[in-house]
Amino acid sequence: MTNSRLNRMFRLRELPEFVGLRRTQIGELIKTGEFPKPIPLSDTGRAVAWLEGDLIAWQNGRIAARNNESA
């Protein structure tokens, strides 16, 4: 049996509160590869979301970068 726990997903309108960046900043970071890519929720690609695990990994990377700078 596979893991039946669902992954929490965040839509773009929720991201600013979760990551502390504006939507435009998030878009710029996605373009440069510095932020996780969204997952398409529909075949047209208009509805997208981000996995909570990807966002947590991104946050941990930012924390690690901060800690390495202060070392």
PDB file of N, CA and C in Angstrom:
ATOM      1  N   MET A   1       0.843  -1.184   0.000  1.00  0.00           N
ATOM      2  CA  MET A   1       0.000   0.000   0.000  1.00  0.00           C
ATOM      3  C   MET A   1       0.888   1.248   0.000  1.00  0.00           C
ATOM      4  N   THR A   2       0.521   2.224  -0.792  1.00  0.00           N
ATOM      5  CA  THR A   2       1.286   3.464  -0.876  1.00  0.00           C
ATOM      6  C   THR A   2       0.847   4.421   0.225  1.00  0.00           C
ATOM      7  N   ASN A   3       1.646   5.427   0.439  1.00  0.00           N
ATOM      8  CA  ASN A   3       1.323   6.445   1.439  1.00  0.00           C
ATOM      9  C   ASN A   3       0.081   7.196   0.990  1.00  0.00           C
ATOM     10  N   SER A   4      -0.970   7.157   1.787  1.00  0.00           N
ATOM     11  CA  SER A   4      -2.229   7.792   1.401  1.00  0.00           C
ATOM     12  C   SER A   4      -2.339   9.230   1.891  1.00  0.00           C
ATOM     13  N   ARG A   5      -1.326   9.731   2.549  1.00  0.00           N
ATOM     14  CA  ARG A   5      -1.347  11.106   3.040  1.00  0.00           C
ATOM     15  C   ARG A   5      -1.194  12.062   1.870  1.00  0.00           C
ATOM     16  N   LEU A   6      -2.083  13.025   1.782  1.00  0.00           N
ATOM     17  CA  LEU A   6      -2.009  14.006   0.706  1.00  0.00           C
ATOM     18  C   LEU A   6      -0.957  15.062   1.011  1.00  0.00           C
ATOM     19  N   ASN A   7      -0.318  15.553  -0.039  1.00  0.00           N
ATOM     20  CA  ASN A   7       0.620  16.664   0.098  1.00  0.00           C
ATOM     21  C   ASN A   7      -0.176  17.960   0.111  1.00  0.00           C
ATOM     22  N   ARG A   8       0.122  18.819   1.055  1.00  0.00           N
ATOM     23  CA  ARG A   8      -0.539  20.116   1.075  1.00  0.00           C
ATOM     24  C   ARG A   8       0.007  20.953  -0.073  1.00  0.00           C
ATOM     25  N   MET A   9      -0.903  21.662  -0.739  1.00  0.00           N
ATOM     26  CA  MET A   9      -0.521  22.491  -1.867  1.00  0.00           C
ATOM     27  C   MET A   9      -0.953  23.929  -1.605  1.00  0.00           C
ATOM     28  N   PHE A  10      -0.132  24.868  -2.055  1.00  0.00           N
ATOM     29  CA  PHE A  10      -0.411  26.290  -1.877  1.00  0.00           C
ATOM     30  C   PHE A  10      -0.589  26.942  -3.236  1.00  0.00           C
ATOM     31  N   ARG A  11      -1.632  27.722  -3.371  1.00  0.00           N
ATOM     32  CA  ARG A  11      -1.869  28.490  -4.586  1.00  0.00           C
ATOM     33  C   ARG A  11      -1.079  29.794  -4.490  1.00  0.00           C
ATOM     34  N   LEU A  12      -0.903  30.465  -5.620  1.00  0.00           N
ATOM     35  CA  LEU A  12      -0.095  31.684  -5.680  1.00  0.00           C
ATOM     36  C   LEU A  12      -0.589  32.748  -4.711  1.00  0.00           C
ATOM     37  N   ARG A  13      -1.889  32.884  -4.558  1.00  0.00           N
ATOM     38  CA  ARG A  13      -2.418  33.923  -3.662  1.00  0.00           C
ATOM     39  C   ARG A  13      -2.041  33.671  -2.199  1.00  0.00           C
ATOM     40  N   GLU A  14      -1.690  32.422  -1.847  1.00  0.00           N
ATOM     41  CA  GLU A  14      -1.308  32.078  -0.483  1.00  0.00           C
ATOM     42  C   GLU A  14       0.185  32.226  -0.221  1.00  0.00           C
ATOM     43  N   LEU A  15       0.980  32.213  -1.267  1.00  0.00           N
ATOM     44  CA  LEU A  15       2.436  32.196  -1.106  1.00  0.00           C
ATOM     45  C   LEU A  15       3.006  33.421  -0.394  1.00  0.00           C
ATOM     46  N   PRO A  16       2.554  34.650  -0.680  1.00  0.00           N
ATOM     47  CA  PRO A  16       3.171  35.788   0.009  1.00  0.00           C
ATOM     48  C   PRO A  16       3.151  35.654   1.528  1.00  0.00           C
ATOM     49  N   GLU A  17       2.070  35.171   2.080  1.00  0.00           N
ATOM     50  CA  GLU A  17       2.002  35.002   3.534  1.00  0.00           C
ATOM     51  C   GLU A  17       2.935  33.891   4.005  1.00  0.00           C
ATOM     52  N   PHE A  18       3.055  32.834   3.207  1.00  0.00           N
ATOM     53  CA  PHE A  18       3.854  31.677   3.596  1.00  0.00           C
ATOM     54  C   PHE A  18       5.347  31.937   3.463  1.00  0.00           C
ATOM     55  N   VAL A  19       5.778  32.640   2.406  1.00  0.00           N
ATOM     56  CA  VAL A  19       7.215  32.810   2.154  1.00  0.00           C
ATOM     57  C   VAL A  19       7.710  34.236   2.381  1.00  0.00           C
ATOM     58  N   GLY A  20       6.800  35.178   2.590  1.00  0.00           N
ATOM     59  CA  GLY A  20       7.228  36.545   2.890  1.00  0.00           C
ATOM     60  C   GLY A  20       7.673  37.358   1.690  1.00  0.00           C
ATOM     61  N   LEU A  21       7.275  36.955   0.486  1.00  0.00           N
ATOM     62  CA  LEU A  21       7.616  37.691  -0.728  1.00  0.00           C
ATOM     63  C   LEU A  21       6.347  38.074  -1.472  1.00  0.00           C
ATOM     64  N   ARG A  22       6.431  39.143  -2.263  1.00  0.00           N
ATOM     65  CA  ARG A  22       5.296  39.523  -3.113  1.00  0.00           C
ATOM     66  C   ARG A  22       5.197  38.562  -4.291  1.00  0.00           C
ATOM     67  N   ARG A  23       4.019  38.522  -4.886  1.00  0.00           N
ATOM     68  CA  ARG A  23       3.800  37.626  -6.023  1.00  0.00           C
ATOM     69  C   ARG A  23       4.757  37.926  -7.172  1.00  0.00           C
ATOM     70  N   THR A  24       5.036  39.209  -7.418  1.00  0.00           N
ATOM     71  CA  THR A  24       5.965  39.550  -8.503  1.00  0.00           C
ATOM     72  C   THR A  24       7.373  39.060  -8.192  1.00  0.00           C
ATOM     73  N   GLN A  25       7.790  39.158  -6.944  1.00  0.00           N
ATOM     74  CA  GLN A  25       9.114  38.667  -6.560  1.00  0.00           C
ATOM     75  C   GLN A  25       9.195  37.149  -6.737  1.00  0.00           C
ATOM     76  N   ILE A  26       8.126  36.466  -6.367  1.00  0.00           N
ATOM     77  CA  ILE A  26       8.089  35.018  -6.530  1.00  0.00           C
ATOM     78  C   ILE A  26       8.219  34.665  -8.008  1.00  0.00           C
ATOM     79  N   GLY A  27       7.495  35.373  -8.870  1.00  0.00           N
ATOM     80  CA  GLY A  27       7.574  35.134 -10.307  1.00  0.00           C
ATOM     81  C   GLY A  27       8.982  35.326 -10.853  1.00  0.00           C
ATOM     82  N   GLU A  28       9.656  36.366 -10.379  1.00  0.00           N
ATOM     83  CA  GLU A  28      11.025  36.618 -10.827  1.00  0.00           C
ATOM     84  C   GLU A  28      11.960  35.508 -10.373  1.00  0.00           C
ATOM     85  N   LEU A  29      11.800  35.035  -9.151  1.00  0.00           N
ATOM     86  CA  LEU A  29      12.653  33.962  -8.642  1.00  0.00           C
ATOM     87  C   LEU A  29      12.399  32.649  -9.373  1.00  0.00           C
ATOM     88  N   ILE A  30      11.165  32.394  -9.763  1.00  0.00           N
ATOM     89  CA  ILE A  30      10.855  31.189 -10.536  1.00  0.00           C
ATOM     90  C   ILE A  30      11.582  31.249 -11.876  1.00  0.00           C
ATOM     91  N   LYS A  31      11.541  32.413 -12.525  1.00  0.00           N
ATOM     92  CA  LYS A  31      12.199  32.570 -13.834  1.00  0.00           C
ATOM     93  C   LYS A  31      13.695  32.322 -13.759  1.00  0.00           C
ATOM     94  N   THR A  32      14.321  32.715 -12.647  1.00  0.00           N
ATOM     95  CA  THR A  32      15.763  32.531 -12.497  1.00  0.00           C
ATOM     96  C   THR A  32      16.127  31.190 -11.879  1.00  0.00           C
ATOM     97  N   GLY A  33      15.125  30.371 -11.553  1.00  0.00           N
ATOM     98  CA  GLY A  33      15.387  29.062 -10.981  1.00  0.00           C
ATOM     99  C   GLY A  33      15.708  29.078  -9.498  1.00  0.00           C
ATOM    100  N   GLU A  34      15.423  30.195  -8.828  1.00  0.00           N
ATOM    101  CA  GLU A  34      15.737  30.322  -7.409  1.00  0.00           C
ATOM    102  C   GLU A  34      14.555  30.026  -6.496  1.00  0.00           C
ATOM    103  N   PHE A  35      13.444  29.601  -7.066  1.00  0.00           N
ATOM    104  CA  PHE A  35      12.237  29.278  -6.303  1.00  0.00           C
ATOM    105  C   PHE A  35      11.625  28.036  -6.944  1.00  0.00           C
ATOM    106  N   PRO A  36      11.013  27.173  -6.152  1.00  0.00           N
ATOM    107  CA  PRO A  36      10.435  25.950  -6.734  1.00  0.00           C
ATOM    108  C   PRO A  36       9.438  26.248  -7.845  1.00  0.00           C
ATOM    109  N   LYS A  37       9.431  25.395  -8.849  1.00  0.00           N
ATOM    110  CA  LYS A  37       8.472  25.538  -9.940  1.00  0.00           C
ATOM    111  C   LYS A  37       7.104  25.049  -9.470  1.00  0.00           C
ATOM    112  N   PRO A  38       6.054  25.672  -9.964  1.00  0.00           N
ATOM    113  CA  PRO A  38       4.715  25.220  -9.583  1.00  0.00           C
ATOM    114  C   PRO A  38       4.344  23.920 -10.294  1.00  0.00           C
ATOM    115  N   ILE A  39       3.348  23.258  -9.748  1.00  0.00           N
ATOM    116  CA  ILE A  39       2.806  22.040 -10.338  1.00  0.00           C
ATOM    117  C   ILE A  39       1.491  22.394 -11.014  1.00  0.00           C
ATOM    118  N   PRO A  40       1.332  22.066 -12.292  1.00  0.00           N
ATOM    119  CA  PRO A  40       0.060  22.360 -12.950  1.00  0.00           C
ATOM    120  C   PRO A  40      -1.060  21.494 -12.361  1.00  0.00           C
ATOM    121  N   LEU A  41      -2.186  22.123 -12.064  1.00  0.00           N
ATOM    122  CA  LEU A  41      -3.339  21.409 -11.528  1.00  0.00           C
ATOM    123  C   LEU A  41      -4.361  21.091 -12.604  1.00  0.00           C
ATOM    124  N   SER A  42      -4.190  21.704 -13.760  1.00  0.00           N
ATOM    125  CA  SER A  42      -5.116  21.459 -14.862  1.00  0.00           C
ATOM    126  C   SER A  42      -4.312  21.231 -16.134  1.00  0.00           C
ATOM    127  N   ASP A  43      -4.978  20.691 -17.139  1.00  0.00           N
ATOM    128  CA  ASP A  43      -4.304  20.430 -18.409  1.00  0.00           C
ATOM    129  C   ASP A  43      -3.897  21.714 -19.118  1.00  0.00           C
ATOM    130  N   THR A  44      -4.625  22.801 -18.889  1.00  0.00           N
ATOM    131  CA  THR A  44      -4.290  24.058 -19.538  1.00  0.00           C
ATOM    132  C   THR A  44      -3.105  24.750 -18.860  1.00  0.00           C
ATOM    133  N   GLY A  45      -2.792  24.371 -17.619  1.00  0.00           N
ATOM    134  CA  GLY A  45      -1.682  24.978 -16.908  1.00  0.00           C
ATOM    135  C   GLY A  45      -2.011  26.294 -16.238  1.00  0.00           C
ATOM    136  N   ARG A  46      -3.247  26.729 -16.344  1.00  0.00           N
ATOM    137  CA  ARG A  46      -3.621  28.002 -15.713  1.00  0.00           C
ATOM    138  C   ARG A  46      -3.694  27.883 -14.207  1.00  0.00           C
ATOM    139  N   ALA A  47      -4.170  26.759 -13.720  1.00  0.00           N
ATOM    140  CA  ALA A  47      -4.242  26.532 -12.278  1.00  0.00           C
ATOM    141  C   ALA A  47      -2.977  25.805 -11.852  1.00  0.00           C
ATOM    142  N   VAL A  48      -2.210  26.437 -10.975  1.00  0.00           N
ATOM    143  CA  VAL A  48      -0.964  25.842 -10.493  1.00  0.00           C
ATOM    144  C   VAL A  48      -0.911  25.961  -8.975  1.00  0.00           C
ATOM    145  N   ALA A  49      -0.045  25.146  -8.376  1.00  0.00           N
ATOM    146  CA  ALA A  49       0.153  25.192  -6.929  1.00  0.00           C
ATOM    147  C   ALA A  49       1.566  24.715  -6.620  1.00  0.00           C
ATOM    148  N   TRP A  50       1.984  24.967  -5.401  1.00  0.00           N
ATOM    149  CA  TRP A  50       3.302  24.562  -4.934  1.00  0.00           C
ATOM    150  C   TRP A  50       3.135  23.574  -3.804  1.00  0.00           C
ATOM    151  N   LEU A  51       3.969  22.536  -3.809  1.00  0.00           N
ATOM    152  CA  LEU A  51       3.946  21.549  -2.735  1.00  0.00           C
ATOM    153  C   LEU A  51       4.574  22.128  -1.474  1.00  0.00           C
ATOM    154  N   GLU A  52       3.952  21.841  -0.354  1.00  0.00           N
ATOM    155  CA  GLU A  52       4.462  22.327   0.921  1.00  0.00           C
ATOM    156  C   GLU A  52       5.908  21.879   1.138  1.00  0.00           C
ATOM    157  N   GLY A  53       6.219  20.633   0.788  1.00  0.00           N
ATOM    158  CA  GLY A  53       7.584  20.129   0.964  1.00  0.00           C
ATOM    159  C   GLY A  53       8.609  20.908   0.158  1.00  0.00           C
ATOM    160  N   ASP A  54       8.245  21.307  -1.064  1.00  0.00           N
ATOM    161  CA  ASP A  54       9.150  22.112  -1.895  1.00  0.00           C
ATOM    162  C   ASP A  54       9.388  23.478  -1.267  1.00  0.00           C
ATOM    163  N   LEU A  55       8.327  24.058  -0.700  1.00  0.00           N
ATOM    164  CA  LEU A  55       8.455  25.372  -0.066  1.00  0.00           C
ATOM    165  C   LEU A  55       9.292  25.290   1.208  1.00  0.00           C
ATOM    166  N   ILE A  56       9.121  24.233   1.961  1.00  0.00           N
ATOM    167  CA  ILE A  56       9.915  24.054   3.179  1.00  0.00           C
ATOM    168  C   ILE A  56      11.386  23.867   2.816  1.00  0.00           C
ATOM    169  N   ALA A  57      11.660  23.087   1.772  1.00  0.00           N
ATOM    170  CA  ALA A  57      13.040  22.896   1.336  1.00  0.00           C
ATOM    171  C   ALA A  57      13.652  24.222   0.893  1.00  0.00           C
ATOM    172  N   TRP A  58      12.871  25.058   0.190  1.00  0.00           N
ATOM    173  CA  TRP A  58      13.363  26.368  -0.234  1.00  0.00           C
ATOM    174  C   TRP A  58      13.682  27.226   0.995  1.00  0.00           C
ATOM    175  N   GLN A  59      12.766  27.226   1.985  1.00  0.00           N
ATOM    176  CA  GLN A  59      13.010  27.989   3.212  1.00  0.00           C
ATOM    177  C   GLN A  59      14.279  27.497   3.908  1.00  0.00           C
ATOM    178  N   ASN A  60      14.439  26.200   4.001  1.00  0.00           N
ATOM    179  CA  ASN A  60      15.629  25.647   4.651  1.00  0.00           C
ATOM    180  C   ASN A  60      16.897  26.046   3.911  1.00  0.00           C
ATOM    181  N   GLY A  61      16.828  26.106   2.588  1.00  0.00           N
ATOM    182  CA  GLY A  61      17.970  26.567   1.806  1.00  0.00           C
ATOM    183  C   GLY A  61      18.312  28.019   2.095  1.00  0.00           C
ATOM    184  N   ARG A  62      17.290  28.859   2.238  1.00  0.00           N
ATOM    185  CA  ARG A  62      17.525  30.270   2.562  1.00  0.00           C
ATOM    186  C   ARG A  62      18.143  30.391   3.962  1.00  0.00           C
ATOM    187  N   ILE A  63      17.665  29.589   4.903  1.00  0.00           N
ATOM    188  CA  ILE A  63      18.217  29.603   6.265  1.00  0.00           C
ATOM    189  C   ILE A  63      19.674  29.154   6.243  1.00  0.00           C
ATOM    190  N   ALA A  64      19.958  28.097   5.487  1.00  0.00           N
ATOM    191  CA  ALA A  64      21.339  27.602   5.387  1.00  0.00           C
ATOM    192  C   ALA A  64      22.249  28.649   4.772  1.00  0.00           C
ATOM    193  N   ALA A  65      21.754  29.363   3.740  1.00  0.00           N
ATOM    194  CA  ALA A  65      22.553  30.409   3.109  1.00  0.00           C
ATOM    195  C   ALA A  65      22.842  31.525   4.095  1.00  0.00           C
ATOM    196  N   ARG A  66      21.849  31.879   4.891  1.00  0.00           N
ATOM    197  CA  ARG A  66      22.061  32.911   5.911  1.00  0.00           C
ATOM    198  C   ARG A  66      23.097  32.458   6.925  1.00  0.00           C
ATOM    199  N   ASN A  67      23.003  31.225   7.361  1.00  0.00           N
ATOM    200  CA  ASN A  67      23.928  30.716   8.369  1.00  0.00           C
ATOM    201  C   ASN A  67      25.342  30.615   7.826  1.00  0.00           C
ATOM    202  N   ASN A  68      25.489  30.299   6.541  1.00  0.00           N
ATOM    203  CA  ASN A  68      26.824  30.217   5.944  1.00  0.00           C
ATOM    204  C   ASN A  68      27.439  31.600   5.790  1.00  0.00           C
ATOM    205  N   GLU A  69      26.615  32.619   5.541  1.00  0.00           N
ATOM    206  CA  GLU A  69      27.129  33.981   5.401  1.00  0.00           C
ATOM    207  C   GLU A  69      27.645  34.521   6.718  1.00  0.00           C
ATOM    208  N   SER A  70      26.994  34.131   7.811  1.00  0.00           N
ATOM    209  CA  SER A  70      27.389  34.676   9.113  1.00  0.00           C
ATOM    210  C   SER A  70      28.519  33.871   9.750  1.00  0.00           C
ATOM    211  N   ALA A  71      28.923  32.784   9.108  1.00  0.00           N
ATOM    212  CA  ALA A  71      29.992  31.949   9.677  1.00  0.00           C
ATOM    213  C   ALA A  71      31.353  32.506   9.411  1.00  0.00           C
TER     214      ALA A  71
END
